[in-house]
Structure formats: structure tokens, C-alpha cells
Amino acid sequence: MKKIILASVSLFVVLTIAAIAYLYVNLSPVSPQANFQAFVINQGEGLSLIGSRLKKAGIIKDENVFILYSYYMGLNTKLQAGSFQLSPAMTVEQVIQKLSTGGSHDYWLKILPGQRIEEVAAKFAVDGSTIDPNQFAYLAKDFEGKLYPDSYLIPEKYSAQEIIDYISGNFSTKTQSLFATHTSKLSNEELIILASVLEREARTLESKKMVAGILLNRLEIGMPLQVDATVQYAKDTFGYKKLGGKWTSYDFWQPVGTNDLQIQSDFNTYTNPGLPPYAICNPSLDSLTAAANPTDSDYLFYITGNDNQMHYAKTLDEHNLNIQKYLR
């Protein structure tokens, strides 16, 4: 019995020493070379993912030790999103301390699906911003539809043009496969325009694909698209210009009234045939996918009812019945 107890104690001691040695080794720096590198924690990233990425970047030796020590230090929920300069010469404790005390003065820019350029530019109209929102809107005017909706960590030193290049570069990366493989008769630019309309007109991928098919049916027979979102775009464009360009506080995308349908604008698809001249907002990948993969149907009309569901019709009479049933 004594031998069993002695063996158990000895095994415990050995395992304890091994565990301590393992922790000691993996808490120590990866390398004595202080080669600093940028490491970005994106918003919403969890401790496990951060640890995995730190190990992959060669900044720490063991992601599990990083996670355990973060809990030991009580900082497991205190790691911050941002850009950090880290080195493989730092201990795990130093890395955790650095990640929990804030990174550089880089900042996050979040672009939501369906926002137009002026709405994105207005995000720079804050105290301390070095970016002139008017300059950003002017430089980005040819990039409507290509400011990919996403969260961006913007380096503090970036100019307005560099920010636009950075964001539109992400658009190119995210859409490269789609544009290379789609079989639509529309050009890439036309797909972007159609996707921007879908973004404002429908919510789910399924409904966007159905609406895409309906709008293409209208184009095929020469029927005006008659899309309210394009009238909203035209209305808002006139609206903030009347305010002297004070769009930083302008409330975009207000409901369209009957009188608005006669607005004199190339974007008014009630009075002009075909697609708008260019995109009316910045669409999500879902909308771009729907534009490239429309659902084939005989429908020519659609509405979003008060029940928040899409309702489709083949004839004007059926469409009017849907209006009576789902909108009144």
C-alpha cells in the first residue's frame, strides 16, 4: 500500500514539474529578436481565435497557454480590437498586457449594406477626425456600389484617397470569383447597379433573387423598372443639395410619396427606361450574388406587404389585388 501511495505521490510530483516546465517554456518569448510586426484584432474576435492567430504569426508558442494565462491574469475578457505592434521577443504576459491596454490610434469604419457614399462620408464628421467628409464624398463619387460593406481598421495616417483604395480593394477581392464565373447577360457594372437596387428593395437572398428575375423580366420587355429606391436616391440627392450640401445630418431613404414619382432625374426609373446610370448604394455580397443568379419566373410585379413578406404577381390586376390585401 505504501508503495502505491509513494508511486502516486512521485507521479504527481513528476507531472507537476512537467506542467511547470511546460508553462515556463511556453510563457517565454519565441525569439530573442525584437522584430515588431503589426497584429490586428478585429471586432468580435474571441480569445481562442486570437490565440490561434498569435501562434500562426509566430508571436507566441502555444495558444492554449495564452488562453489559460489570460484567465489567470483576469484579462480574458479585456482584450481590445485594434492594431498592435507585437514582437516574438515578448513574453506571453507582455503580449496579453499589450492587447488589453489598447493599440494604436487606428480607428474602425463600419459600412452597412445599402448605405450610399454620403452616408459613409458622414461617419468622418466627428470631432478629432482628420478626414474631411466632403473631400471623401467627392473622391469616392465614382465608387458608388464598390465601397464593400464591412468593418475596416483604418490606419490613422491614411488619407481619404487611401481609405477609398483600401475599401474598394476589398470589394475587388470579395467579388473576384463572382465576376469571373457569372453567366448573366449583364456586364459587371450593370450587375453592381442591379445589386444596389436589390439591396434597397429586398431583404433575404431568396427574395433578392426573385426580385432580380422580375426586374430583368421588365427590362426584357421594355417595361420601366418603377423601383421606389431609385426615386429615393434621386429625392435625397436633390434634398441634401437644397440644404447647401449639409448631408452629414441628412436623413436619407425616406418613404416615397406620389408626387416624388415625377422627380426629374436620370435615376427615376418611373420616368426613365432601363437601369439607373450607376449604383444607388453599396450592396452586400448577397445582393451581388442575387443579381448574378436571378430566379426565373413569369412575375412582373412585387411588393413588400405589411406582413413583412414579399408578394409577387404576373399581371397588373393581380398586383393591385396584392396591394389591396397586403398594404391597406
Protein backbone atom coordinates (compact mmCIF):
# COMPACT_ATOMS: atom_id res chain seq x y z
CA MET A 1 0.00 0.00 0.00
CA LYS A 2 2.83 2.34 0.93
CA LYS A 3 4.47 1.61 -2.41
CA ILE A 4 1.27 2.56 -4.24
CA ILE A 5 0.97 5.80 -2.28
CA LEU A 6 4.65 6.57 -2.84
CA ALA A 7 4.29 5.85 -6.57
CA SER A 8 1.21 8.09 -6.77
CA VAL A 9 2.98 10.92 -4.98
CA SER A 10 6.01 10.51 -7.21
CA LEU A 11 3.82 10.56 -10.32
CA PHE A 12 2.04 13.68 -9.08
CA VAL A 13 5.38 15.39 -8.43
CA VAL A 14 6.69 14.44 -11.86
CA LEU A 15 3.52 15.65 -13.60
CA THR A 16 3.58 18.89 -11.62
CA ILE A 17 7.21 19.52 -12.52
CA ALA A 18 6.45 18.69 -16.15
CA ALA A 19 3.47 21.07 -16.19
CA ILE A 20 5.52 23.87 -14.62
CA ALA A 21 8.31 23.28 -17.11
CA TYR A 22 5.82 23.27 -19.99
CA LEU A 23 4.28 26.54 -18.82
CA TYR A 24 7.70 28.10 -18.26
CA VAL A 25 8.84 27.20 -21.75
CA ASN A 26 5.64 28.33 -23.48
CA LEU A 27 5.27 31.55 -21.50
CA SER A 28 8.74 32.64 -22.57
CA PRO A 29 9.48 34.58 -25.79
CA VAL A 30 9.52 32.78 -29.10
CA SER A 31 12.73 34.51 -30.13
CA PRO A 32 15.25 36.98 -28.72
CA GLN A 33 14.91 39.00 -31.93
CA ALA A 34 12.70 42.04 -31.30
CA ASN A 35 11.22 42.20 -34.80
CA PHE A 36 7.97 44.07 -34.26
CA GLN A 37 5.06 43.38 -36.54
CA ALA A 38 1.54 44.70 -36.84
CA PHE A 39 -1.15 42.46 -35.37
CA VAL A 40 -4.82 43.36 -35.81
CA ILE A 41 -7.63 42.15 -33.56
CA ASN A 42 -10.91 42.52 -35.42
CA GLN A 43 -14.13 43.41 -33.66
CA GLY A 44 -15.88 40.36 -32.27
CA GLU A 45 -12.89 38.02 -32.35
CA GLY A 46 -12.80 35.62 -29.40
CA LEU A 47 -9.89 34.61 -27.19
CA SER A 48 -9.40 31.25 -28.91
CA LEU A 49 -9.18 32.79 -32.39
CA ILE A 50 -6.81 35.49 -31.17
CA GLY A 51 -4.56 32.85 -29.60
CA SER A 52 -4.57 30.77 -32.78
CA ARG A 53 -3.66 33.79 -34.91
CA LEU A 54 -0.89 34.86 -32.49
CA LYS A 55 0.68 31.41 -32.74
CA LYS A 56 0.37 31.40 -36.53
CA ALA A 57 2.05 34.82 -36.63
CA GLY A 58 4.96 33.46 -34.57
CA ILE A 59 4.35 35.79 -31.63
CA ILE A 60 3.59 33.07 -29.07
CA LYS A 61 4.46 29.38 -28.80
CA ASP A 62 1.22 27.85 -27.58
CA GLU A 63 -2.32 29.19 -27.97
CA ASN A 64 -3.69 27.12 -25.06
CA VAL A 65 -1.10 28.54 -22.67
CA PHE A 66 -2.04 32.01 -23.95
CA ILE A 67 -5.72 31.33 -23.20
CA LEU A 68 -5.04 29.85 -19.73
CA TYR A 69 -2.73 32.70 -18.75
CA SER A 70 -5.26 35.30 -19.94
CA TYR A 71 -7.74 33.77 -17.48
CA TYR A 72 -5.06 33.66 -14.76
CA MET A 73 -4.36 37.36 -15.27
CA GLY A 74 -8.10 38.13 -15.27
CA LEU A 75 -7.81 39.75 -18.71
CA ASN A 76 -9.56 37.10 -20.79
CA THR A 77 -12.47 39.48 -21.50
CA LYS A 78 -10.38 42.64 -21.66
CA LEU A 79 -8.55 42.14 -24.97
CA GLN A 80 -9.34 45.02 -27.29
CA ALA A 81 -9.95 45.33 -31.01
CA GLY A 82 -7.31 47.37 -32.76
CA SER A 83 -3.86 47.37 -34.32
CA PHE A 84 -0.88 46.41 -32.14
CA GLN A 85 2.88 46.27 -32.61
CA LEU A 86 3.98 42.92 -31.20
CA SER A 87 7.28 41.07 -31.14
CA PRO A 88 8.26 37.39 -30.75
CA ALA A 89 10.71 38.67 -28.11
CA MET A 90 7.75 39.48 -25.82
CA THR A 91 6.61 37.07 -23.11
CA VAL A 92 3.02 35.84 -23.15
CA GLU A 93 2.32 38.08 -20.16
CA GLN A 94 3.63 41.11 -22.04
CA VAL A 95 1.55 40.21 -25.09
CA ILE A 96 -1.62 39.92 -23.01
CA GLN A 97 -0.90 43.21 -21.22
CA LYS A 98 -0.37 44.93 -24.55
CA LEU A 99 -3.56 43.56 -26.07
CA SER A 100 -5.61 44.62 -23.07
CA THR A 101 -4.38 48.21 -22.86
CA GLY A 102 -5.24 49.36 -26.37
CA GLY A 103 -3.43 49.52 -29.66
CA SER A 104 -2.50 52.40 -31.90
CA HIS A 105 -4.79 55.29 -32.78
CA ASP A 106 -6.09 53.45 -35.84
CA TYR A 107 -9.88 53.51 -35.93
CA TRP A 108 -12.78 51.36 -37.10
CA LEU A 109 -15.02 52.32 -40.01
CA LYS A 110 -18.17 50.26 -40.44
CA ILE A 111 -20.04 50.39 -43.75
CA LEU A 112 -23.53 48.92 -43.67
CA PRO A 113 -25.16 47.26 -46.68
CA GLY A 114 -27.37 49.74 -48.51
CA GLN A 115 -25.59 52.92 -47.43
CA ARG A 116 -24.75 55.44 -50.13
CA ILE A 117 -21.45 57.31 -50.32
CA GLU A 118 -22.70 60.37 -48.47
CA GLU A 119 -23.77 58.19 -45.52
CA VAL A 120 -20.31 56.65 -45.39
CA ALA A 121 -18.63 60.04 -45.66
CA ALA A 122 -20.76 61.39 -42.80
CA LYS A 123 -19.02 58.92 -40.48
CA PHE A 124 -15.94 61.15 -40.67
CA ALA A 125 -17.89 64.20 -39.44
CA VAL A 126 -16.78 63.66 -35.85
CA ASP A 127 -14.53 65.59 -33.51
CA GLY A 128 -10.90 64.75 -33.97
CA SER A 129 -11.27 63.24 -37.46
CA THR A 130 -8.53 64.24 -39.89
CA ILE A 131 -10.66 63.24 -42.88
CA ASP A 132 -12.84 65.91 -44.48
CA PRO A 133 -16.19 64.20 -45.18
CA ASN A 134 -16.84 66.48 -48.17
CA GLN A 135 -13.48 65.56 -49.70
CA PHE A 136 -14.13 61.87 -49.07
CA ALA A 137 -17.56 62.08 -50.77
CA TYR A 138 -16.07 63.92 -53.74
CA LEU A 139 -13.19 61.48 -54.22
CA ALA A 140 -15.50 58.47 -53.79
CA LYS A 141 -18.18 59.66 -56.22
CA ASP A 142 -17.11 57.14 -58.87
CA PHE A 143 -17.00 54.28 -56.35
CA GLU A 144 -20.71 54.10 -55.50
CA GLY A 145 -21.51 50.40 -55.29
CA LYS A 146 -17.87 49.45 -54.70
CA LEU A 147 -17.40 50.50 -51.07
CA TYR A 148 -17.81 46.96 -49.81
CA PRO A 149 -19.95 46.75 -46.62
CA ASP A 150 -17.62 45.56 -43.87
CA SER A 151 -15.74 46.70 -40.76
CA TYR A 152 -12.38 48.30 -41.59
CA LEU A 153 -9.50 49.12 -39.28
CA ILE A 154 -8.25 52.35 -40.83
CA PRO A 155 -4.63 53.39 -40.17
CA GLU A 156 -4.60 56.83 -38.59
CA LYS A 157 -2.21 58.16 -41.23
CA TYR A 158 -4.42 57.20 -44.20
CA SER A 159 -5.70 59.96 -46.46
CA ALA A 160 -9.23 59.97 -47.87
CA GLN A 161 -7.98 58.51 -51.16
CA GLU A 162 -6.04 55.77 -49.39
CA ILE A 163 -9.16 54.81 -47.43
CA ILE A 164 -11.19 54.61 -50.64
CA ASP A 165 -8.50 52.49 -52.31
CA TYR A 166 -8.36 50.20 -49.27
CA ILE A 167 -12.14 49.66 -49.17
CA SER A 168 -12.60 49.29 -52.93
CA GLY A 169 -9.69 46.84 -52.92
CA ASN A 170 -11.68 44.70 -50.50
CA PHE A 171 -14.60 44.89 -52.92
CA SER A 172 -12.38 43.58 -55.73
CA THR A 173 -11.16 40.72 -53.55
CA LYS A 174 -14.62 39.70 -52.35
CA THR A 175 -16.23 39.84 -55.81
CA GLN A 176 -13.41 38.46 -57.96
CA SER A 177 -14.80 34.93 -58.10
CA LEU A 178 -18.38 36.10 -58.69
CA PHE A 179 -17.46 38.34 -61.61
CA ALA A 180 -15.17 35.71 -63.11
CA THR A 181 -17.81 32.98 -63.17
CA HIS A 182 -21.24 34.58 -63.62
CA THR A 183 -23.15 33.82 -66.83
CA SER A 184 -25.54 36.78 -66.73
CA LYS A 185 -26.07 38.85 -69.87
CA LEU A 186 -25.36 41.93 -67.78
CA SER A 187 -21.89 43.45 -67.58
CA ASN A 188 -20.12 43.61 -64.22
CA GLU A 189 -21.04 47.27 -63.87
CA GLU A 190 -24.68 46.52 -64.64
CA LEU A 191 -24.65 43.71 -62.07
CA ILE A 192 -23.42 46.19 -59.45
CA ILE A 193 -26.20 48.63 -60.36
CA LEU A 194 -28.85 45.91 -60.19
CA ALA A 195 -27.42 44.62 -56.89
CA SER A 196 -27.62 48.12 -55.39
CA VAL A 197 -31.32 48.24 -56.29
CA LEU A 198 -31.91 44.79 -54.82
CA GLU A 199 -30.18 45.85 -51.58
CA ARG A 200 -32.77 48.56 -51.03
CA GLU A 201 -35.76 46.55 -52.29
CA ALA A 202 -35.49 43.11 -50.67
CA ARG A 203 -34.09 41.54 -47.51
CA THR A 204 -33.26 37.88 -47.94
CA LEU A 205 -31.12 36.19 -50.60
CA GLU A 206 -34.18 34.28 -51.82
CA SER A 207 -36.32 37.41 -52.22
CA LYS A 208 -33.44 39.34 -53.81
CA LYS A 209 -33.02 36.61 -56.42
CA MET A 210 -36.76 36.68 -57.13
CA VAL A 211 -36.82 40.48 -57.47
CA ALA A 212 -33.73 40.32 -59.70
CA GLY A 213 -35.62 37.98 -62.04
CA ILE A 214 -38.66 40.27 -62.04
CA LEU A 215 -36.61 43.38 -62.86
CA LEU A 216 -34.81 41.53 -65.64
CA ASN A 217 -38.23 40.45 -66.99
CA ARG A 218 -39.22 44.11 -67.10
CA LEU A 219 -36.01 45.06 -68.89
CA GLU A 220 -36.58 42.26 -71.40
CA ILE A 221 -39.99 43.63 -72.49
CA GLY A 222 -39.02 47.31 -72.26
CA MET A 223 -41.13 47.96 -69.18
CA PRO A 224 -39.91 50.70 -66.80
CA LEU A 225 -38.42 49.25 -63.63
CA GLN A 226 -40.55 51.55 -61.43
CA VAL A 227 -38.41 50.99 -58.34
CA ASP A 228 -39.08 53.26 -55.35
CA ALA A 229 -35.49 53.00 -54.12
CA THR A 230 -34.22 54.78 -57.24
CA VAL A 231 -36.70 57.60 -56.61
CA GLN A 232 -35.49 57.78 -53.01
CA TYR A 233 -31.94 58.14 -54.30
CA ALA A 234 -32.97 60.96 -56.65
CA LYS A 235 -35.11 62.64 -53.99
CA ASP A 236 -32.36 62.54 -51.39
CA THR A 237 -29.78 63.83 -53.85
CA PHE A 238 -31.92 66.89 -54.51
CA GLY A 239 -32.80 67.14 -50.83
CA TYR A 240 -29.34 67.50 -49.36
CA LYS A 241 -28.24 69.80 -52.20
CA LYS A 242 -31.08 72.16 -51.25
CA LEU A 243 -29.66 72.18 -47.74
CA GLY A 244 -26.39 73.51 -49.12
CA GLY A 245 -24.74 70.11 -49.04
CA LYS A 246 -25.31 69.64 -45.29
CA TRP A 247 -25.77 65.91 -45.75
CA THR A 248 -23.86 64.93 -42.61
CA SER A 249 -27.12 65.20 -40.68
CA TYR A 250 -29.48 64.46 -43.57
CA ASP A 251 -31.99 61.64 -43.07
CA PHE A 252 -31.68 59.53 -46.22
CA TRP A 253 -34.07 56.94 -47.66
CA GLN A 254 -37.35 58.47 -46.53
CA PRO A 255 -40.59 56.94 -47.94
CA VAL A 256 -41.61 57.99 -51.44
CA GLY A 257 -44.80 59.99 -51.95
CA THR A 258 -46.95 60.09 -55.10
CA ASN A 259 -45.54 63.49 -56.13
CA ASP A 260 -42.00 62.17 -55.85
CA LEU A 261 -42.59 59.77 -58.74
CA GLN A 262 -42.33 62.71 -61.17
CA ILE A 263 -38.91 63.90 -59.95
CA GLN A 264 -36.80 64.94 -62.92
CA SER A 265 -33.75 62.73 -62.55
CA ASP A 266 -31.92 60.12 -64.59
CA PHE A 267 -32.33 57.86 -61.54
CA ASN A 268 -36.13 57.97 -61.59
CA THR A 269 -36.98 54.55 -63.02
CA TYR A 270 -40.66 55.53 -63.23
CA THR A 271 -39.89 58.11 -65.92
CA ASN A 272 -36.73 56.61 -67.45
CA PRO A 273 -36.32 53.19 -69.06
CA GLY A 274 -33.60 50.73 -68.11
CA LEU A 275 -31.26 50.58 -65.13
CA PRO A 276 -30.16 53.73 -63.29
CA PRO A 277 -26.94 55.34 -64.64
CA TYR A 278 -24.92 53.88 -61.77
CA ALA A 279 -25.33 52.22 -58.38
CA ILE A 280 -27.62 53.87 -55.82
CA CYS A 281 -25.88 52.37 -52.77
CA ASN A 282 -23.21 49.91 -51.72
CA PRO A 283 -24.66 46.38 -51.90
CA SER A 284 -23.83 43.29 -49.88
CA LEU A 285 -22.37 40.13 -51.40
CA ASP A 286 -25.85 38.56 -51.11
CA SER A 287 -27.28 41.25 -53.39
CA LEU A 288 -24.44 40.87 -55.88
CA THR A 289 -24.95 37.10 -55.84
CA ALA A 290 -28.69 37.55 -56.42
CA ALA A 291 -28.07 39.91 -59.32
CA ALA A 292 -25.83 37.32 -60.96
CA ASN A 293 -28.18 34.41 -60.16
CA PRO A 294 -31.77 35.65 -60.62
CA THR A 295 -34.75 33.36 -60.11
CA ASP A 296 -36.54 32.65 -63.36
CA SER A 297 -40.29 33.31 -63.17
CA ASP A 298 -43.22 34.83 -65.08
CA TYR A 299 -43.72 37.53 -62.45
CA LEU A 300 -43.62 41.22 -63.35
CA PHE A 301 -44.68 42.78 -60.05
CA TYR A 302 -43.73 42.59 -56.38
CA ILE A 303 -44.48 44.35 -53.13
CA THR A 304 -43.33 44.06 -49.54
CA GLY A 305 -46.54 43.76 -47.55
CA ASN A 306 -47.39 44.98 -44.08
CA ASP A 307 -46.72 41.41 -43.01
CA ASN A 308 -43.04 41.95 -44.00
CA GLN A 309 -43.37 39.29 -46.67
CA MET A 310 -42.77 39.63 -50.42
CA HIS A 311 -45.80 39.13 -52.66
CA TYR A 312 -45.50 38.59 -56.40
CA ALA A 313 -47.86 38.92 -59.35
CA LYS A 314 -47.88 38.17 -63.08
CA THR A 315 -50.43 40.81 -64.09
CA LEU A 316 -51.31 44.33 -63.04
CA ASP A 317 -54.71 43.15 -61.81
CA GLU A 318 -53.05 40.55 -59.56
CA HIS A 319 -50.61 43.20 -58.37
CA ASN A 320 -53.43 45.59 -57.45
CA LEU A 321 -55.14 42.78 -55.53
CA ASN A 322 -51.93 42.22 -53.58
CA ILE A 323 -51.80 45.93 -52.80
CA GLN A 324 -55.37 45.87 -51.52
CA LYS A 325 -54.72 42.75 -49.47
CA TYR A 326 -51.26 43.39 -48.04
CA LEU A 327 -50.76 47.15 -47.98
CA ARG A 328 -54.13 48.54 -46.86
